Each structure stands twice: as C-alpha cells, then as structure tokens.
Amino acid sequence: MSDRALTGTTALVTGASRGFGRGIATALTRAGAQVVGVARDRGQLAELREQLGGSFTAVSADAADPVVAGQLIDTYRPAVLVLNAGATPLPRPIHHHTWTTFSRNWEVDVQHVFHFTREALLAPLAPGSTVITLSSGAALRGSPLSGGYAGAKAAIRWLTGYAAEESERAA
C-alpha cells in the first residue's frame, strides 16, 4: 500500500508495544494511518503514544481475549488489521517442556489470530481491507528448541489461508 492509500485510514496492530509490532505501528503512523496499537504492557504503549502523537491510540488489552477482538473490530473498523501479538517461547528441548510451556504459543499466538480473523469475517471489514498475520520461518522449518512454537506458527499460516478463502467466498 502506498502512503497515500494509508492516509486517513485506520490500522489496528496487535503486539504493538515491542518488536515487530512496535515497528509496524510506527511505520503505519508515519505513512499517515490512524493506528490503534494493542498490547498488554500499558507503560510501553504510553511511551509509544508519546513518541507517535495523536495518530496513535494505545489500547492496553490481552489480544487473545475473544471479547477484546470483537470490541476492537466493532469500535475501530480497521482498513488494515495486523495480527502480530505473540508469546515468547521457552527455549528448551521437547522433553524439558510441560504441556503449559509447550502450548503457550497456541494459547496466545494462534488464539489471537483466530479471534481477530473470525471477528473480521463476521463484521465484516469493508471491501478492500487488508488483514496481515505474522508467522515465522519456524512454520516451514521447525524449531526444536521452542516447544509448540513452530506448530503454532504453522497453524497461523493455515488459519490465515482458510480465512482468506472464506473472505473470497463471501465477496
């Protein structure tokens, strides 16, 4: 999308307080979008709001919460939805994981993509809207030291493909 195409549009970015999400929120703001940044860390969001100014709206929330996904889609009706939030995996071999540490990325990363893509399809977003999900090379090549991370990232790719097909069917 060109800067002109983004000017005045609303973009919603999950995981906006750090890493890729913070960089994406910054780039979209600088390209002219009104950005709604979602993350759990209120302090980092406030810092980003201070840096980016009035074109950035900070929302402190858990992106994996299905109610949050519905409320944010209904309230902001983004033209660009960037699903980037994710848990940092615990780097250890499979036999050193518990089910809780193994499944953490399923419970955060996959769950938030599921809830937001579902809500985007139910709303639905306006024709021409763009939904971007972030995954990882681990989805293709695996990641033996990160528990269920690679499988969770592969599930995000799969879920995104199905959601795109459903969007096309619904026109």
Protein backbone atom coordinates (compact mmCIF):
# COMPACT_ATOMS: atom_id res chain seq x y z
CA MET A 1 0.00 0.00 0.00
CA SER A 2 1.24 3.45 -0.76
CA ASP A 3 1.43 6.21 1.83
CA ARG A 4 -1.43 7.94 0.02
CA ALA A 5 -3.59 4.80 0.33
CA LEU A 6 -2.94 4.75 4.08
CA THR A 7 -3.57 8.42 4.78
CA GLY A 8 -6.62 8.75 6.98
CA THR A 9 -7.30 5.01 7.21
CA THR A 10 -7.45 3.15 10.49
CA ALA A 11 -4.96 0.37 11.15
CA LEU A 12 -5.13 -1.93 14.15
CA VAL A 13 -1.88 -3.61 15.24
CA THR A 14 -1.68 -6.29 17.93
CA GLY A 15 1.55 -6.71 19.86
CA ALA A 16 2.28 -3.02 19.28
CA SER A 17 4.36 -2.38 22.40
CA ARG A 18 7.59 -4.05 21.25
CA GLY A 19 9.48 -5.71 18.41
CA PHE A 20 7.85 -6.08 15.01
CA GLY A 21 4.51 -4.76 16.27
CA ARG A 22 6.07 -1.54 17.50
CA GLY A 23 7.94 -1.12 14.23
CA ILE A 24 4.81 -1.79 12.18
CA ALA A 25 2.72 0.64 14.25
CA THR A 26 5.41 3.29 13.82
CA ALA A 27 5.67 2.76 10.05
CA LEU A 28 1.89 2.85 9.57
CA THR A 29 1.61 6.03 11.65
CA ARG A 30 4.36 7.69 9.64
CA ALA A 31 2.60 6.62 6.42
CA GLY A 32 -0.48 8.57 7.51
CA ALA A 33 -2.69 5.92 9.12
CA GLN A 34 -4.55 6.37 12.36
CA VAL A 35 -3.11 3.43 14.32
CA VAL A 36 -4.74 1.58 17.17
CA GLY A 37 -1.97 -0.28 19.00
CA VAL A 38 -2.94 -3.19 21.22
CA ALA A 39 -0.69 -4.79 23.83
CA ARG A 40 -0.73 -5.79 27.47
CA ASP A 41 2.13 -3.52 28.54
CA ARG A 42 0.47 -0.20 29.34
CA GLY A 43 3.80 1.54 30.05
CA GLN A 44 5.38 0.67 26.70
CA LEU A 45 2.17 1.65 24.90
CA ALA A 46 2.15 5.02 26.67
CA GLU A 47 5.77 5.55 25.66
CA LEU A 48 4.90 4.76 22.04
CA ARG A 49 1.88 7.09 22.18
CA GLU A 50 4.15 9.87 23.41
CA GLN A 51 6.57 9.19 20.56
CA LEU A 52 3.94 8.94 17.79
CA GLY A 53 1.43 11.54 18.94
CA GLY A 54 -2.27 11.87 18.27
CA SER A 55 -2.39 9.50 15.33
CA PHE A 56 -1.68 6.58 17.69
CA THR A 57 -4.33 5.21 20.06
CA ALA A 58 -2.99 2.91 22.77
CA VAL A 59 -5.24 0.08 23.94
CA SER A 60 -3.96 -1.98 26.86
CA ALA A 61 -5.62 -5.38 26.48
CA ASP A 62 -4.99 -9.09 26.00
CA ALA A 63 -5.17 -9.73 22.25
CA ALA A 64 -6.03 -13.40 22.89
CA ASP A 65 -9.28 -12.42 24.62
CA PRO A 66 -12.20 -13.04 22.20
CA VAL A 67 -14.22 -10.18 23.70
CA VAL A 68 -11.35 -7.77 23.06
CA ALA A 69 -11.17 -8.84 19.42
CA GLY A 70 -14.88 -8.25 18.88
CA GLN A 71 -14.91 -4.92 20.70
CA LEU A 72 -11.91 -3.55 18.82
CA ILE A 73 -13.14 -4.65 15.38
CA ASP A 74 -16.60 -3.19 16.09
CA THR A 75 -15.25 0.06 17.53
CA TYR A 76 -12.47 0.88 15.06
CA ARG A 77 -13.48 -0.97 11.83
CA PRO A 78 -9.86 -1.03 10.62
CA ALA A 79 -8.97 -0.95 6.94
CA VAL A 80 -5.68 -2.61 7.89
CA LEU A 81 -5.51 -5.30 10.56
CA VAL A 82 -2.04 -6.53 11.55
CA LEU A 83 -2.04 -9.58 13.80
CA ASN A 84 1.39 -9.72 15.32
CA ALA A 85 0.95 -10.43 19.05
CA GLY A 86 2.69 -13.50 20.38
CA ALA A 87 4.27 -15.09 23.39
CA THR A 88 8.00 -15.59 23.63
CA PRO A 89 8.63 -19.34 23.64
CA LEU A 90 10.66 -21.03 26.35
CA PRO A 91 13.78 -22.29 24.51
CA ARG A 92 14.35 -25.87 25.59
CA PRO A 93 14.13 -29.33 24.03
CA ILE A 94 10.73 -31.03 23.90
CA HIS A 95 11.35 -33.34 26.85
CA HIS A 96 12.06 -30.33 29.09
CA HIS A 97 8.65 -28.77 28.39
CA THR A 98 5.43 -29.22 30.28
CA TRP A 99 2.15 -29.05 28.38
CA THR A 100 1.74 -25.50 29.70
CA THR A 101 5.09 -24.28 28.34
CA PHE A 102 4.70 -26.29 25.13
CA SER A 103 1.24 -24.92 24.32
CA ARG A 104 1.83 -21.28 25.29
CA ASN A 105 2.15 -20.11 21.67
CA TRP A 106 -1.05 -21.96 20.78
CA GLU A 107 -2.89 -20.23 23.61
CA VAL A 108 -1.62 -16.75 22.70
CA ASP A 109 -0.43 -16.57 19.10
CA VAL A 110 -2.94 -18.88 17.40
CA GLN A 111 -5.83 -17.93 19.64
CA HIS A 112 -5.49 -14.21 18.96
CA VAL A 113 -5.27 -14.76 15.19
CA PHE A 114 -8.34 -17.00 15.34
CA HIS A 115 -10.41 -14.48 17.32
CA PHE A 116 -9.46 -11.45 15.23
CA THR A 117 -9.87 -13.17 11.84
CA ARG A 118 -13.22 -14.56 12.97
CA GLU A 119 -14.38 -11.10 14.04
CA ALA A 120 -13.08 -9.55 10.81
CA LEU A 121 -15.14 -12.07 8.82
CA LEU A 122 -18.23 -11.64 11.00
CA ALA A 123 -18.18 -7.83 10.97
CA PRO A 124 -17.26 -7.96 8.03
CA LEU A 125 -14.48 -5.49 7.36
CA ALA A 126 -15.06 -3.17 4.42
CA PRO A 127 -14.22 -4.44 0.91
CA GLY A 128 -10.56 -3.81 0.13
CA SER A 129 -9.48 -4.11 3.77
CA THR A 130 -6.19 -5.86 4.41
CA VAL A 131 -5.53 -8.44 7.11
CA ILE A 132 -1.89 -9.34 7.74
CA THR A 133 -0.84 -12.15 10.06
CA LEU A 134 2.74 -12.65 11.14
CA SER A 135 4.18 -16.09 11.45
CA SER A 136 7.79 -17.31 11.41
CA GLY A 137 10.23 -19.32 9.37
CA ALA A 138 9.75 -21.93 12.08
CA ALA A 139 6.38 -22.67 10.44
CA LEU A 140 8.29 -24.06 7.47
CA ARG A 141 11.47 -25.44 9.02
CA GLY A 142 10.55 -26.26 12.59
CA SER A 143 12.18 -25.09 15.77
CA PRO A 144 13.29 -27.96 18.03
CA LEU A 145 14.13 -25.69 20.96
CA SER A 146 10.84 -23.86 21.27
CA GLY A 147 8.17 -26.37 22.19
CA GLY A 148 4.96 -25.85 20.27
CA TYR A 149 6.10 -22.58 18.68
CA ALA A 150 6.70 -23.99 15.18
CA GLY A 151 3.38 -25.81 15.14
CA ALA A 152 1.57 -22.70 16.37
CA LYS A 153 3.14 -20.60 13.63
CA ALA A 154 2.20 -23.22 11.02
CA ALA A 155 -1.36 -23.14 12.36
CA ILE A 156 -1.42 -19.37 11.87
CA ARG A 157 -0.45 -19.83 8.20
CA TRP A 158 -3.17 -22.47 7.78
CA LEU A 159 -5.81 -20.39 9.56
CA THR A 160 -4.93 -17.31 7.52
CA GLY A 161 -5.30 -19.24 4.27
CA TYR A 162 -8.72 -20.56 5.26
CA ALA A 163 -9.86 -17.11 6.36
CA ALA A 164 -8.74 -15.63 3.03
CA GLU A 165 -10.73 -18.30 1.16
CA GLU A 166 -13.79 -17.57 3.28
CA SER A 167 -13.42 -13.85 2.62
CA GLU A 168 -13.29 -14.51 -1.13
CA ARG A 169 -16.39 -16.75 -0.95
CA ALA A 170 -18.27 -14.00 0.90
CA ALA A 171 -17.02 -11.41 -1.58
